[in-house]
């Protein structure tokens, strides 16, 4: 019996190197920004409906918190009535007051210490409004804020265009008014029974105090949403400030890293990462200059779009641990020296403007 000659394997054509510049999909195949929109929308709905369904609110009528339909008190009524000892009252304060606050605050600080201002960029209902108004205002005047000195390019990172049109003012003003009134009403439902508030508004019979609160709060929120949205987030929000302080204290915390040795590749871009940042930051800067970064990842997404055809890949990406520590070690002078070595003179002068 003759041995059978080995058959050659069928040709599959020339080997094709993977395109390293291809954009990466997020969890379950959805883009990162789509996941962020989902979490923002979900938390915004929770913010509105939490008091309605007694998930969480402070009722000034009964003078205590309500948590998942249950009265959440410090348990001091029995002590005041003489039915509990000082030791029992102290234990109630620890179990019902100190420990819950420690748990919530500790969790927020730990998450911020490790990953940055995730609450701001991925959950905060106020920041959801900030971004919505930013994009609507951009359609009206070509700027995300009234205080921006220059218009952002009409071109978007994905290649589409958003040209300013003054007719969008008819959307901007009603949107700001609606958001301000909604914010005022929802905040009041956290302080008084929602059924009472919504019932009075439906019948047009709010009390004098409710009218004063809703009027003053609506005016204050209109001014803030119209003129100082991102300024509030950067300088006035206590929750954001504590998150930023925790994040800055950890050199290994997640941060957007910039491949400065490839800064010359930025010359093919129109500073898309700068223009998409809702906090009006410069993502290619060093960490200490990114104090108010909310980890939204829009700069990373923009860089992936604009560098999609670059075989070397994107220049901005999330970094952790040792790479993050290296990023945090840069100061402005050191980072600029590295960039100047790799960027042509004309591109370097352009980069200084950003």
C-alpha atoms as a PDB file:
ATOM      1  CA  UNK A   1       0.000   0.000   0.000  1.00  0.00           C
ATOM      2  CA  UNK A   2       1.490   3.275  -1.147  1.00  0.00           C
ATOM      3  CA  UNK A   3       1.703   6.147   1.303  1.00  0.00           C
ATOM      4  CA  UNK A   4      -0.612   9.014   0.543  1.00  0.00           C
ATOM      5  CA  UNK A   5       1.083  12.256  -0.367  1.00  0.00           C
ATOM      6  CA  UNK A   6       0.377  15.104   1.983  1.00  0.00           C
ATOM      7  CA  UNK A   7      -2.092  17.596   0.541  1.00  0.00           C
ATOM      8  CA  UNK A   8      -1.161  21.278   0.711  1.00  0.00           C
ATOM      9  CA  UNK A   9      -3.318  23.400   2.918  1.00  0.00           C
ATOM     10  CA  UNK A  10      -5.748  25.647   1.038  1.00  0.00           C
ATOM     11  CA  UNK A  11      -4.494  29.158   0.565  1.00  0.00           C
ATOM     12  CA  UNK A  12      -6.243  31.804   2.622  1.00  0.00           C
ATOM     13  CA  UNK A  13      -4.593  34.751   0.858  1.00  0.00           C
ATOM     14  CA  UNK A  14      -1.932  37.069   2.195  1.00  0.00           C
ATOM     15  CA  UNK A  15      -1.843  37.695   5.901  1.00  0.00           C
ATOM     16  CA  UNK A  16      -3.419  40.985   6.888  1.00  0.00           C
ATOM     17  CA  UNK A  17      -2.046  42.859   9.867  1.00  0.00           C
ATOM     18  CA  UNK A  18      -4.702  44.051  12.265  1.00  0.00           C
ATOM     19  CA  UNK A  19      -5.499  47.738  12.093  1.00  0.00           C
ATOM     20  CA  UNK A  20      -4.327  48.971  15.469  1.00  0.00           C
ATOM     21  CA  UNK A  21      -6.107  52.282  15.039  1.00  0.00           C
ATOM     22  CA  UNK A  22      -9.563  50.710  15.016  1.00  0.00           C
ATOM     23  CA  UNK A  23     -11.856  52.149  17.688  1.00  0.00           C
ATOM     24  CA  UNK A  24     -12.641  49.861  20.584  1.00  0.00           C
ATOM     25  CA  UNK A  25     -16.163  48.978  21.611  1.00  0.00           C
ATOM     26  CA  UNK A  26     -17.138  49.086  25.259  1.00  0.00           C
ATOM     27  CA  UNK A  27     -18.783  46.484  27.452  1.00  0.00           C
ATOM     28  CA  UNK A  28     -21.283  44.258  25.572  1.00  0.00           C
ATOM     29  CA  UNK A  29     -20.236  45.930  22.336  1.00  0.00           C
ATOM     30  CA  UNK A  30     -21.717  49.333  23.188  1.00  0.00           C
ATOM     31  CA  UNK A  31     -19.556  52.455  22.892  1.00  0.00           C
ATOM     32  CA  UNK A  32     -18.365  53.974  26.149  1.00  0.00           C
ATOM     33  CA  UNK A  33     -20.334  57.161  25.566  1.00  0.00           C
ATOM     34  CA  UNK A  34     -23.523  55.175  25.028  1.00  0.00           C
ATOM     35  CA  UNK A  35     -23.012  53.452  28.382  1.00  0.00           C
ATOM     36  CA  UNK A  36     -22.470  56.836  29.966  1.00  0.00           C
ATOM     37  CA  UNK A  37     -25.711  58.122  28.478  1.00  0.00           C
ATOM     38  CA  UNK A  38     -27.543  55.089  29.869  1.00  0.00           C
ATOM     39  CA  UNK A  39     -26.179  55.529  33.386  1.00  0.00           C
ATOM     40  CA  UNK A  40     -26.863  59.265  33.320  1.00  0.00           C
ATOM     41  CA  UNK A  41     -30.437  58.787  32.131  1.00  0.00           C
ATOM     42  CA  UNK A  42     -31.076  56.060  34.702  1.00  0.00           C
ATOM     43  CA  UNK A  43     -29.754  58.122  37.600  1.00  0.00           C
ATOM     44  CA  UNK A  44     -31.644  61.210  36.402  1.00  0.00           C
ATOM     45  CA  UNK A  45     -34.901  59.263  36.497  1.00  0.00           C
ATOM     46  CA  UNK A  46     -33.989  57.932  39.927  1.00  0.00           C
ATOM     47  CA  UNK A  47     -33.344  61.502  41.082  1.00  0.00           C
ATOM     48  CA  UNK A  48     -36.835  62.544  39.973  1.00  0.00           C
ATOM     49  CA  UNK A  49     -38.781  59.509  41.165  1.00  0.00           C
ATOM     50  CA  UNK A  50     -36.930  58.694  44.416  1.00  0.00           C
ATOM     51  CA  UNK A  51     -39.066  61.049  46.546  1.00  0.00           C
ATOM     52  CA  UNK A  52     -42.280  60.062  44.743  1.00  0.00           C
ATOM     53  CA  UNK A  53     -41.841  56.398  45.663  1.00  0.00           C
ATOM     54  CA  UNK A  54     -40.365  57.177  49.103  1.00  0.00           C
ATOM     55  CA  UNK A  55     -37.022  55.673  48.120  1.00  0.00           C
ATOM     56  CA  UNK A  56     -35.230  58.535  49.838  1.00  0.00           C
ATOM     57  CA  UNK A  57     -36.276  61.973  51.071  1.00  0.00           C
ATOM     58  CA  UNK A  58     -36.279  64.237  54.101  1.00  0.00           C
ATOM     59  CA  UNK A  59     -39.823  65.072  55.201  1.00  0.00           C
ATOM     60  CA  UNK A  60     -39.888  68.383  57.063  1.00  0.00           C
ATOM     61  CA  UNK A  61     -43.443  67.712  58.234  1.00  0.00           C
ATOM     62  CA  UNK A  62     -42.423  64.671  60.273  1.00  0.00           C
ATOM     63  CA  UNK A  63     -38.839  65.942  60.733  1.00  0.00           C
ATOM     64  CA  UNK A  64     -36.943  62.824  59.714  1.00  0.00           C
ATOM     65  CA  UNK A  65     -35.686  60.915  56.676  1.00  0.00           C
ATOM     66  CA  UNK A  66     -37.738  58.326  54.796  1.00  0.00           C
ATOM     67  CA  UNK A  67     -35.759  55.472  53.273  1.00  0.00           C
ATOM     68  CA  UNK A  68     -37.525  52.859  51.109  1.00  0.00           C
ATOM     69  CA  UNK A  69     -40.831  53.734  52.729  1.00  0.00           C
ATOM     70  CA  UNK A  70     -39.522  53.371  56.273  1.00  0.00           C
ATOM     71  CA  UNK A  71     -39.023  56.134  58.815  1.00  0.00           C
ATOM     72  CA  UNK A  72     -35.305  56.680  59.331  1.00  0.00           C
ATOM     73  CA  UNK A  73     -34.762  58.426  62.635  1.00  0.00           C
ATOM     74  CA  UNK A  74     -31.887  58.653  65.076  1.00  0.00           C
ATOM     75  CA  UNK A  75     -33.963  56.822  67.662  1.00  0.00           C
ATOM     76  CA  UNK A  76     -33.792  59.626  70.210  1.00  0.00           C
ATOM     77  CA  UNK A  77     -37.537  59.879  70.866  1.00  0.00           C
ATOM     78  CA  UNK A  78     -37.403  57.173  73.533  1.00  0.00           C
ATOM     79  CA  UNK A  79     -34.459  58.914  75.204  1.00  0.00           C
ATOM     80  CA  UNK A  80     -36.304  62.247  75.274  1.00  0.00           C
ATOM     81  CA  UNK A  81     -39.356  60.493  76.735  1.00  0.00           C
ATOM     82  CA  UNK A  82     -37.207  58.809  79.369  1.00  0.00           C
ATOM     83  CA  UNK A  83     -37.714  55.292  77.988  1.00  0.00           C
ATOM     84  CA  UNK A  84     -34.070  54.805  76.901  1.00  0.00           C
ATOM     85  CA  UNK A  85     -30.745  55.221  78.646  1.00  0.00           C
ATOM     86  CA  UNK A  86     -27.962  57.554  77.461  1.00  0.00           C
ATOM     87  CA  UNK A  87     -25.973  54.498  76.346  1.00  0.00           C
ATOM     88  CA  UNK A  88     -28.836  53.309  74.138  1.00  0.00           C
ATOM     89  CA  UNK A  89     -29.211  56.813  72.693  1.00  0.00           C
ATOM     90  CA  UNK A  90     -25.482  56.966  71.911  1.00  0.00           C
ATOM     91  CA  UNK A  91     -25.638  53.558  70.236  1.00  0.00           C
ATOM     92  CA  UNK A  92     -28.563  54.706  68.098  1.00  0.00           C
ATOM     93  CA  UNK A  93     -26.596  57.773  67.019  1.00  0.00           C
ATOM     94  CA  UNK A  94     -23.698  55.589  65.951  1.00  0.00           C
ATOM     95  CA  UNK A  95     -25.760  52.921  64.170  1.00  0.00           C
ATOM     96  CA  UNK A  96     -28.341  55.163  62.526  1.00  0.00           C
ATOM     97  CA  UNK A  97     -26.340  58.313  61.953  1.00  0.00           C
ATOM     98  CA  UNK A  98     -22.561  57.998  62.028  1.00  0.00           C
ATOM     99  CA  UNK A  99     -22.132  54.602  60.336  1.00  0.00           C
ATOM    100  CA  UNK A 100     -24.456  55.293  57.356  1.00  0.00           C
ATOM    101  CA  UNK A 101     -22.738  58.628  56.722  1.00  0.00           C
ATOM    102  CA  UNK A 102     -19.330  56.976  57.060  1.00  0.00           C
ATOM    103  CA  UNK A 103     -20.345  54.221  54.631  1.00  0.00           C
ATOM    104  CA  UNK A 104     -21.676  56.603  51.983  1.00  0.00           C
ATOM    105  CA  UNK A 105     -18.857  59.111  52.349  1.00  0.00           C
ATOM    106  CA  UNK A 106     -16.187  56.421  52.530  1.00  0.00           C
ATOM    107  CA  UNK A 107     -17.488  54.724  49.385  1.00  0.00           C
ATOM    108  CA  UNK A 108     -17.573  58.005  47.468  1.00  0.00           C
ATOM    109  CA  UNK A 109     -14.064  58.938  48.581  1.00  0.00           C
ATOM    110  CA  UNK A 110     -12.635  55.479  47.784  1.00  0.00           C
ATOM    111  CA  UNK A 111     -14.170  55.412  44.309  1.00  0.00           C
ATOM    112  CA  UNK A 112     -12.860  58.931  43.688  1.00  0.00           C
ATOM    113  CA  UNK A 113      -9.418  58.056  45.064  1.00  0.00           C
ATOM    114  CA  UNK A 114      -9.144  55.106  42.683  1.00  0.00           C
ATOM    115  CA  UNK A 115     -11.028  56.247  39.576  1.00  0.00           C
ATOM    116  CA  UNK A 116     -11.649  59.993  39.876  1.00  0.00           C
ATOM    117  CA  UNK A 117     -14.908  61.935  39.618  1.00  0.00           C
ATOM    118  CA  UNK A 118     -16.957  59.063  38.208  1.00  0.00           C
ATOM    119  CA  UNK A 119     -20.082  60.240  40.007  1.00  0.00           C
ATOM    120  CA  UNK A 120     -19.889  63.614  38.255  1.00  0.00           C
ATOM    121  CA  UNK A 121     -19.258  62.275  34.770  1.00  0.00           C
ATOM    122  CA  UNK A 122     -21.422  59.156  34.868  1.00  0.00           C
ATOM    123  CA  UNK A 123     -24.293  59.753  37.310  1.00  0.00           C
ATOM    124  CA  UNK A 124     -24.757  63.346  38.480  1.00  0.00           C
ATOM    125  CA  UNK A 125     -28.143  64.697  37.282  1.00  0.00           C
ATOM    126  CA  UNK A 126     -26.811  68.246  37.381  1.00  0.00           C
ATOM    127  CA  UNK A 127     -23.977  67.370  35.020  1.00  0.00           C
ATOM    128  CA  UNK A 128     -26.464  65.688  32.670  1.00  0.00           C
ATOM    129  CA  UNK A 129     -28.225  69.049  32.373  1.00  0.00           C
ATOM    130  CA  UNK A 130     -24.878  70.818  31.932  1.00  0.00           C
ATOM    131  CA  UNK A 131     -23.975  68.664  28.941  1.00  0.00           C
ATOM    132  CA  UNK A 132     -27.447  68.904  27.386  1.00  0.00           C
ATOM    133  CA  UNK A 133     -27.451  72.708  27.550  1.00  0.00           C
ATOM    134  CA  UNK A 134     -23.834  72.812  26.336  1.00  0.00           C
ATOM    135  CA  UNK A 135     -24.689  70.967  23.142  1.00  0.00           C
ATOM    136  CA  UNK A 136     -27.881  72.942  22.533  1.00  0.00           C
ATOM    137  CA  UNK A 137     -26.055  76.247  23.036  1.00  0.00           C
ATOM    138  CA  UNK A 138     -23.329  75.104  20.666  1.00  0.00           C
ATOM    139  CA  UNK A 139     -25.967  74.697  17.972  1.00  0.00           C
ATOM    140  CA  UNK A 140     -27.066  78.276  18.601  1.00  0.00           C
ATOM    141  CA  UNK A 141     -23.747  80.156  18.849  1.00  0.00           C
ATOM    142  CA  UNK A 142     -21.008  77.604  18.115  1.00  0.00           C
ATOM    143  CA  UNK A 143     -19.770  77.637  21.735  1.00  0.00           C
ATOM    144  CA  UNK A 144     -20.562  75.420  24.697  1.00  0.00           C
ATOM    145  CA  UNK A 145     -20.474  78.368  27.076  1.00  0.00           C
ATOM    146  CA  UNK A 146     -21.242  82.056  26.773  1.00  0.00           C
ATOM    147  CA  UNK A 147     -17.816  82.753  28.251  1.00  0.00           C
ATOM    148  CA  UNK A 148     -15.786  80.803  25.690  1.00  0.00           C
ATOM    149  CA  UNK A 149     -13.601  83.229  23.728  1.00  0.00           C
ATOM    150  CA  UNK A 150     -13.787  81.390  20.418  1.00  0.00           C
ATOM    151  CA  UNK A 151     -16.260  79.187  18.617  1.00  0.00           C
ATOM    152  CA  UNK A 152     -15.452  75.505  18.443  1.00  0.00           C
ATOM    153  CA  UNK A 153     -14.942  74.058  14.949  1.00  0.00           C
ATOM    154  CA  UNK A 154     -18.136  73.032  13.189  1.00  0.00           C
ATOM    155  CA  UNK A 155     -16.488  69.695  12.450  1.00  0.00           C
ATOM    156  CA  UNK A 156     -17.094  66.933  14.993  1.00  0.00           C
ATOM    157  CA  UNK A 157     -14.545  64.207  15.800  1.00  0.00           C
ATOM    158  CA  UNK A 158     -16.603  61.622  13.897  1.00  0.00           C
ATOM    159  CA  UNK A 159     -16.487  63.736  10.728  1.00  0.00           C
ATOM    160  CA  UNK A 160     -19.999  65.183  10.933  1.00  0.00           C
ATOM    161  CA  UNK A 161     -20.640  68.907  11.227  1.00  0.00           C
ATOM    162  CA  UNK A 162     -22.605  71.046  13.666  1.00  0.00           C
ATOM    163  CA  UNK A 163     -22.990  74.526  12.231  1.00  0.00           C
ATOM    164  CA  UNK A 164     -24.321  77.257  14.532  1.00  0.00           C
ATOM    165  CA  UNK A 165     -27.771  78.603  13.756  1.00  0.00           C
ATOM    166  CA  UNK A 166     -29.423  81.366  15.787  1.00  0.00           C
ATOM    167  CA  UNK A 167     -32.788  79.634  15.483  1.00  0.00           C
ATOM    168  CA  UNK A 168     -31.573  77.213  18.162  1.00  0.00           C
ATOM    169  CA  UNK A 169     -32.005  80.023  20.704  1.00  0.00           C
ATOM    170  CA  UNK A 170     -35.681  79.063  20.574  1.00  0.00           C
ATOM    171  CA  UNK A 171     -34.582  75.736  22.037  1.00  0.00           C
ATOM    172  CA  UNK A 172     -31.910  77.017  24.427  1.00  0.00           C
ATOM    173  CA  UNK A 173     -34.062  79.403  26.458  1.00  0.00           C
ATOM    174  CA  UNK A 174     -37.072  77.068  26.915  1.00  0.00           C
ATOM    175  CA  UNK A 175     -34.691  74.234  27.819  1.00  0.00           C
ATOM    176  CA  UNK A 176     -32.941  76.312  30.491  1.00  0.00           C
ATOM    177  CA  UNK A 177     -36.268  77.534  31.915  1.00  0.00           C
ATOM    178  CA  UNK A 178     -37.712  74.007  31.952  1.00  0.00           C
ATOM    179  CA  UNK A 179     -34.608  72.546  33.637  1.00  0.00           C
ATOM    180  CA  UNK A 180     -34.575  75.316  36.255  1.00  0.00           C
ATOM    181  CA  UNK A 181     -38.256  74.827  37.135  1.00  0.00           C
ATOM    182  CA  UNK A 182     -37.927  71.032  37.143  1.00  0.00           C
ATOM    183  CA  UNK A 183     -34.902  71.221  39.430  1.00  0.00           C
ATOM    184  CA  UNK A 184     -36.731  73.515  41.860  1.00  0.00           C
ATOM    185  CA  UNK A 185     -39.815  71.278  41.988  1.00  0.00           C
ATOM    186  CA  UNK A 186     -37.847  68.057  42.442  1.00  0.00           C
ATOM    187  CA  UNK A 187     -35.748  69.534  45.238  1.00  0.00           C
ATOM    188  CA  UNK A 188     -38.925  70.622  47.043  1.00  0.00           C
ATOM    189  CA  UNK A 189     -40.300  67.079  46.818  1.00  0.00           C
ATOM    190  CA  UNK A 190     -37.234  65.944  48.762  1.00  0.00           C
ATOM    191  CA  UNK A 191     -38.336  68.219  51.610  1.00  0.00           C
ATOM    192  CA  UNK A 192     -42.128  67.945  51.574  1.00  0.00           C
ATOM    193  CA  UNK A 193     -44.525  65.129  50.560  1.00  0.00           C
ATOM    194  CA  UNK A 194     -44.418  64.841  46.749  1.00  0.00           C
ATOM    195  CA  UNK A 195     -48.174  64.192  46.563  1.00  0.00           C
ATOM    196  CA  UNK A 196     -48.779  67.536  48.265  1.00  0.00           C
ATOM    197  CA  UNK A 197     -46.373  69.439  45.985  1.00  0.00           C
ATOM    198  CA  UNK A 198     -47.531  67.951  42.705  1.00  0.00           C
ATOM    199  CA  UNK A 199     -51.174  68.138  43.796  1.00  0.00           C
ATOM    200  CA  UNK A 200     -50.884  71.832  44.644  1.00  0.00           C
ATOM    201  CA  UNK A 201     -49.136  72.566  41.352  1.00  0.00           C
ATOM    202  CA  UNK A 202     -51.745  70.630  39.383  1.00  0.00           C
ATOM    203  CA  UNK A 203     -54.586  72.599  40.972  1.00  0.00           C
ATOM    204  CA  UNK A 204     -52.622  75.868  40.966  1.00  0.00           C
ATOM    205  CA  UNK A 205     -52.829  76.199  44.745  1.00  0.00           C
ATOM    206  CA  UNK A 206     -49.280  76.105  46.142  1.00  0.00           C
ATOM    207  CA  UNK A 207     -48.873  77.577  49.601  1.00  0.00           C
ATOM    208  CA  UNK A 208     -47.143  80.905  50.143  1.00  0.00           C
ATOM    209  CA  UNK A 209     -43.909  79.259  51.324  1.00  0.00           C
ATOM    210  CA  UNK A 210     -43.969  76.802  48.439  1.00  0.00           C
ATOM    211  CA  UNK A 211     -44.444  79.650  45.972  1.00  0.00           C
ATOM    212  CA  UNK A 212     -41.545  81.599  47.438  1.00  0.00           C
ATOM    213  CA  UNK A 213     -39.259  78.564  47.377  1.00  0.00           C
ATOM    214  CA  UNK A 214     -40.173  77.550  43.815  1.00  0.00           C
ATOM    215  CA  UNK A 215     -39.849  81.106  42.493  1.00  0.00           C
ATOM    216  CA  UNK A 216     -36.501  81.813  44.160  1.00  0.00           C
ATOM    217  CA  UNK A 217     -35.051  78.400  43.294  1.00  0.00           C
ATOM    218  CA  UNK A 218     -36.200  78.606  39.665  1.00  0.00           C
ATOM    219  CA  UNK A 219     -34.583  82.028  39.229  1.00  0.00           C
ATOM    220  CA  UNK A 220     -31.350  80.866  40.889  1.00  0.00           C
ATOM    221  CA  UNK A 221     -31.163  77.713  38.763  1.00  0.00           C
ATOM    222  CA  UNK A 222     -31.953  79.669  35.596  1.00  0.00           C
ATOM    223  CA  UNK A 223     -28.999  81.988  36.257  1.00  0.00           C
ATOM    224  CA  UNK A 224     -26.729  79.058  37.085  1.00  0.00           C
ATOM    225  CA  UNK A 225     -27.761  76.895  34.112  1.00  0.00           C
ATOM    226  CA  UNK A 226     -27.608  79.821  31.697  1.00  0.00           C
ATOM    227  CA  UNK A 227     -24.380  81.491  32.768  1.00  0.00           C
ATOM    228  CA  UNK A 228     -22.342  79.327  35.138  1.00  0.00           C
ATOM    229  CA  UNK A 229     -22.974  75.632  34.510  1.00  0.00           C
ATOM    230  CA  UNK A 230     -19.454  74.248  34.283  1.00  0.00           C
ATOM    231  CA  UNK A 231     -18.137  77.002  36.550  1.00  0.00           C
ATOM    232  CA  UNK A 232     -20.358  75.656  39.331  1.00  0.00           C
ATOM    233  CA  UNK A 233     -19.087  72.130  38.708  1.00  0.00           C
ATOM    234  CA  UNK A 234     -15.458  73.266  38.715  1.00  0.00           C
ATOM    235  CA  UNK A 235     -15.413  75.655  41.660  1.00  0.00           C
ATOM    236  CA  UNK A 236     -18.618  75.534  43.734  1.00  0.00           C
ATOM    237  CA  UNK A 237     -19.779  71.915  43.996  1.00  0.00           C
ATOM    238  CA  UNK A 238     -18.650  70.443  47.323  1.00  0.00           C
ATOM    239  CA  UNK A 239     -19.193  66.856  46.159  1.00  0.00           C
ATOM    240  CA  UNK A 240     -17.048  67.464  43.091  1.00  0.00           C
ATOM    241  CA  UNK A 241     -14.357  69.216  45.134  1.00  0.00           C
ATOM    242  CA  UNK A 242     -13.987  66.305  47.590  1.00  0.00           C
ATOM    243  CA  UNK A 243     -13.823  63.827  44.709  1.00  0.00           C
ATOM    244  CA  UNK A 244     -11.085  65.843  43.024  1.00  0.00           C
ATOM    245  CA  UNK A 245      -9.067  66.118  46.237  1.00  0.00           C
ATOM    246  CA  UNK A 246      -9.266  62.344  46.770  1.00  0.00           C
ATOM    247  CA  UNK A 247      -8.267  61.718  43.150  1.00  0.00           C
ATOM    248  CA  UNK A 248      -5.302  64.086  43.285  1.00  0.00           C
ATOM    249  CA  UNK A 249      -4.060  62.372  46.451  1.00  0.00           C
ATOM    250  CA  UNK A 250      -3.533  59.097  44.561  1.00  0.00           C
ATOM    251  CA  UNK A 251      -0.799  59.217  41.922  1.00  0.00           C
ATOM    252  CA  UNK A 252      -1.846  55.773  40.661  1.00  0.00           C
ATOM    253  CA  UNK A 253      -5.507  56.687  40.156  1.00  0.00           C
ATOM    254  CA  UNK A 254      -7.053  56.266  36.727  1.00  0.00           C
ATOM    255  CA  UNK A 255      -6.277  59.245  34.524  1.00  0.00           C
ATOM    256  CA  UNK A 256      -6.305  60.167  30.850  1.00  0.00           C
ATOM    257  CA  UNK A 257      -2.740  59.640  29.645  1.00  0.00           C
ATOM    258  CA  UNK A 258      -1.218  61.482  26.697  1.00  0.00           C
ATOM    259  CA  UNK A 259       1.540  59.930  24.591  1.00  0.00           C
ATOM    260  CA  UNK A 260       3.693  63.041  24.474  1.00  0.00           C
ATOM    261  CA  UNK A 261       6.456  61.385  22.487  1.00  0.00           C
ATOM    262  CA  UNK A 262       3.975  61.204  19.599  1.00  0.00           C
ATOM    263  CA  UNK A 263       2.715  64.763  19.993  1.00  0.00           C
ATOM    264  CA  UNK A 264       3.557  65.474  16.356  1.00  0.00           C
ATOM    265  CA  UNK A 265       0.543  63.333  15.385  1.00  0.00           C
ATOM    266  CA  UNK A 266      -1.654  66.029  16.920  1.00  0.00           C
ATOM    267  CA  UNK A 267      -0.744  68.279  13.986  1.00  0.00           C
ATOM    268  CA  UNK A 268      -3.166  66.267  11.826  1.00  0.00           C
ATOM    269  CA  UNK A 269      -6.025  66.998  14.248  1.00  0.00           C
ATOM    270  CA  UNK A 270      -8.009  70.158  15.047  1.00  0.00           C
ATOM    271  CA  UNK A 271      -7.625  69.826  18.835  1.00  0.00           C
ATOM    272  CA  UNK A 272     -10.820  67.791  18.934  1.00  0.00           C
ATOM    273  CA  UNK A 273     -10.119  66.621  22.497  1.00  0.00           C
ATOM    274  CA  UNK A 274     -10.061  70.213  23.753  1.00  0.00           C
ATOM    275  CA  UNK A 275     -13.275  71.174  22.026  1.00  0.00           C
ATOM    276  CA  UNK A 276     -15.393  68.263  23.277  1.00  0.00           C
ATOM    277  CA  UNK A 277     -14.490  68.624  26.964  1.00  0.00           C
ATOM    278  CA  UNK A 278     -17.646  69.745  28.821  1.00  0.00           C
ATOM    279  CA  UNK A 279     -15.531  71.165  31.666  1.00  0.00           C
ATOM    280  CA  UNK A 280     -13.533  73.312  29.195  1.00  0.00           C
ATOM    281  CA  UNK A 281     -10.235  71.634  30.139  1.00  0.00           C
ATOM    282  CA  UNK A 282      -7.257  70.710  27.954  1.00  0.00           C
ATOM    283  CA  UNK A 283      -7.010  66.892  28.154  1.00  0.00           C
ATOM    284  CA  UNK A 284      -3.419  66.793  26.868  1.00  0.00           C
ATOM    285  CA  UNK A 285      -2.268  68.741  29.892  1.00  0.00           C
ATOM    286  CA  UNK A 286      -0.661  67.244  33.003  1.00  0.00           C
ATOM    287  CA  UNK A 287      -2.805  65.776  35.793  1.00  0.00           C
ATOM    288  CA  UNK A 288      -2.443  68.681  38.217  1.00  0.00           C
ATOM    289  CA  UNK A 289      -3.962  70.948  35.565  1.00  0.00           C
ATOM    290  CA  UNK A 290      -6.888  68.520  35.148  1.00  0.00           C
ATOM    291  CA  UNK A 291      -8.149  68.894  38.725  1.00  0.00           C
ATOM    292  CA  UNK A 292     -11.804  69.180  37.658  1.00  0.00           C
ATOM    293  CA  UNK A 293     -11.766  66.259  35.175  1.00  0.00           C
ATOM    294  CA  UNK A 294     -15.000  64.248  35.472  1.00  0.00           C
ATOM    295  CA  UNK A 295     -13.669  61.139  33.693  1.00  0.00           C
ATOM    296  CA  UNK A 296     -16.357  61.354  31.022  1.00  0.00           C
ATOM    297  CA  UNK A 297     -13.928  60.010  28.418  1.00  0.00           C
ATOM    298  CA  UNK A 298     -15.158  62.269  25.623  1.00  0.00           C
ATOM    299  CA  UNK A 299     -11.595  63.394  24.891  1.00  0.00           C
ATOM    300  CA  UNK A 300     -10.468  59.771  24.588  1.00  0.00           C
ATOM    301  CA  UNK A 301     -13.392  59.030  22.284  1.00  0.00           C
ATOM    302  CA  UNK A 302     -12.604  62.104  20.163  1.00  0.00           C
ATOM    303  CA  UNK A 303      -8.962  61.074  19.834  1.00  0.00           C
ATOM    304  CA  UNK A 304      -9.973  57.569  18.779  1.00  0.00           C
ATOM    305  CA  UNK A 305     -12.151  59.082  16.057  1.00  0.00           C
ATOM    306  CA  UNK A 306      -9.562  61.497  14.693  1.00  0.00           C
ATOM    307  CA  UNK A 307      -6.696  58.976  14.876  1.00  0.00           C
ATOM    308  CA  UNK A 308      -8.721  56.064  13.547  1.00  0.00           C
ATOM    309  CA  UNK A 309      -6.599  55.810  10.405  1.00  0.00           C
ATOM    310  CA  UNK A 310      -3.333  56.269  12.268  1.00  0.00           C
ATOM    311  CA  UNK A 311      -1.494  52.898  12.367  1.00  0.00           C
ATOM    312  CA  UNK A 312       0.103  53.930  15.661  1.00  0.00           C
ATOM    313  CA  UNK A 313      -3.291  54.287  17.311  1.00  0.00           C
ATOM    314  CA  UNK A 314      -4.753  56.895  19.591  1.00  0.00           C
ATOM    315  CA  UNK A 315      -2.752  59.395  21.639  1.00  0.00           C
ATOM    316  CA  UNK A 316      -5.153  59.658  24.582  1.00  0.00           C
ATOM    317  CA  UNK A 317      -6.161  56.625  26.626  1.00  0.00           C
ATOM    318  CA  UNK A 318      -7.035  55.607  30.160  1.00  0.00           C
ATOM    319  CA  UNK A 319      -4.002  54.639  32.237  1.00  0.00           C
ATOM    320  CA  UNK A 320      -3.694  53.091  35.697  1.00  0.00           C
ATOM    321  CA  UNK A 321      -1.132  52.243  38.345  1.00  0.00           C
ATOM    322  CA  UNK A 322       2.498  52.772  37.260  1.00  0.00           C
ATOM    323  CA  UNK A 323       1.584  54.480  33.980  1.00  0.00           C
ATOM    324  CA  UNK A 324      -0.757  56.794  35.873  1.00  0.00           C
ATOM    325  CA  UNK A 325       1.965  57.489  38.425  1.00  0.00           C
ATOM    326  CA  UNK A 326       4.305  58.472  35.612  1.00  0.00           C
ATOM    327  CA  UNK A 327       1.622  60.776  34.189  1.00  0.00           C
ATOM    328  CA  UNK A 328       1.038  62.377  37.576  1.00  0.00           C
ATOM    329  CA  UNK A 329       4.764  63.029  37.985  1.00  0.00           C
ATOM    330  CA  UNK A 330       4.862  65.397  35.038  1.00  0.00           C
ATOM    331  CA  UNK A 331       4.829  69.100  35.657  1.00  0.00           C
ATOM    332  CA  UNK A 332       3.902  71.595  32.984  1.00  0.00           C
ATOM    333  CA  UNK A 333       7.513  72.433  32.132  1.00  0.00           C
ATOM    334  CA  UNK A 334       8.654  68.813  31.781  1.00  0.00           C
ATOM    335  CA  UNK A 335       5.661  67.889  29.659  1.00  0.00           C
ATOM    336  CA  UNK A 336       6.205  70.868  27.373  1.00  0.00           C
ATOM    337  CA  UNK A 337       9.896  70.026  26.870  1.00  0.00           C
ATOM    338  CA  UNK A 338       9.019  66.482  25.780  1.00  0.00           C
ATOM    339  CA  UNK A 339       6.402  67.773  23.361  1.00  0.00           C
ATOM    340  CA  UNK A 340       8.697  70.397  21.868  1.00  0.00           C
ATOM    341  CA  UNK A 341      11.240  67.679  21.020  1.00  0.00           C
ATOM    342  CA  UNK A 342       8.706  65.772  18.939  1.00  0.00           C
ATOM    343  CA  UNK A 343       6.519  68.532  17.499  1.00  0.00           C
ATOM    344  CA  UNK A 344       7.510  70.684  14.525  1.00  0.00           C
ATOM    345  CA  UNK A 345       7.903  74.384  15.255  1.00  0.00           C
ATOM    346  CA  UNK A 346       4.597  75.423  13.655  1.00  0.00           C
ATOM    347  CA  UNK A 347       2.655  72.666  15.413  1.00  0.00           C
ATOM    348  CA  UNK A 348       4.313  73.511  18.731  1.00  0.00           C
ATOM    349  CA  UNK A 349       3.207  77.120  18.503  1.00  0.00           C
ATOM    350  CA  UNK A 350      -0.327  75.954  17.759  1.00  0.00           C
ATOM    351  CA  UNK A 351      -0.270  73.611  20.745  1.00  0.00           C
ATOM    352  CA  UNK A 352       0.736  76.422  23.084  1.00  0.00           C
ATOM    353  CA  UNK A 353      -2.500  78.184  22.241  1.00  0.00           C
ATOM    354  CA  UNK A 354      -4.423  75.225  23.663  1.00  0.00           C
END
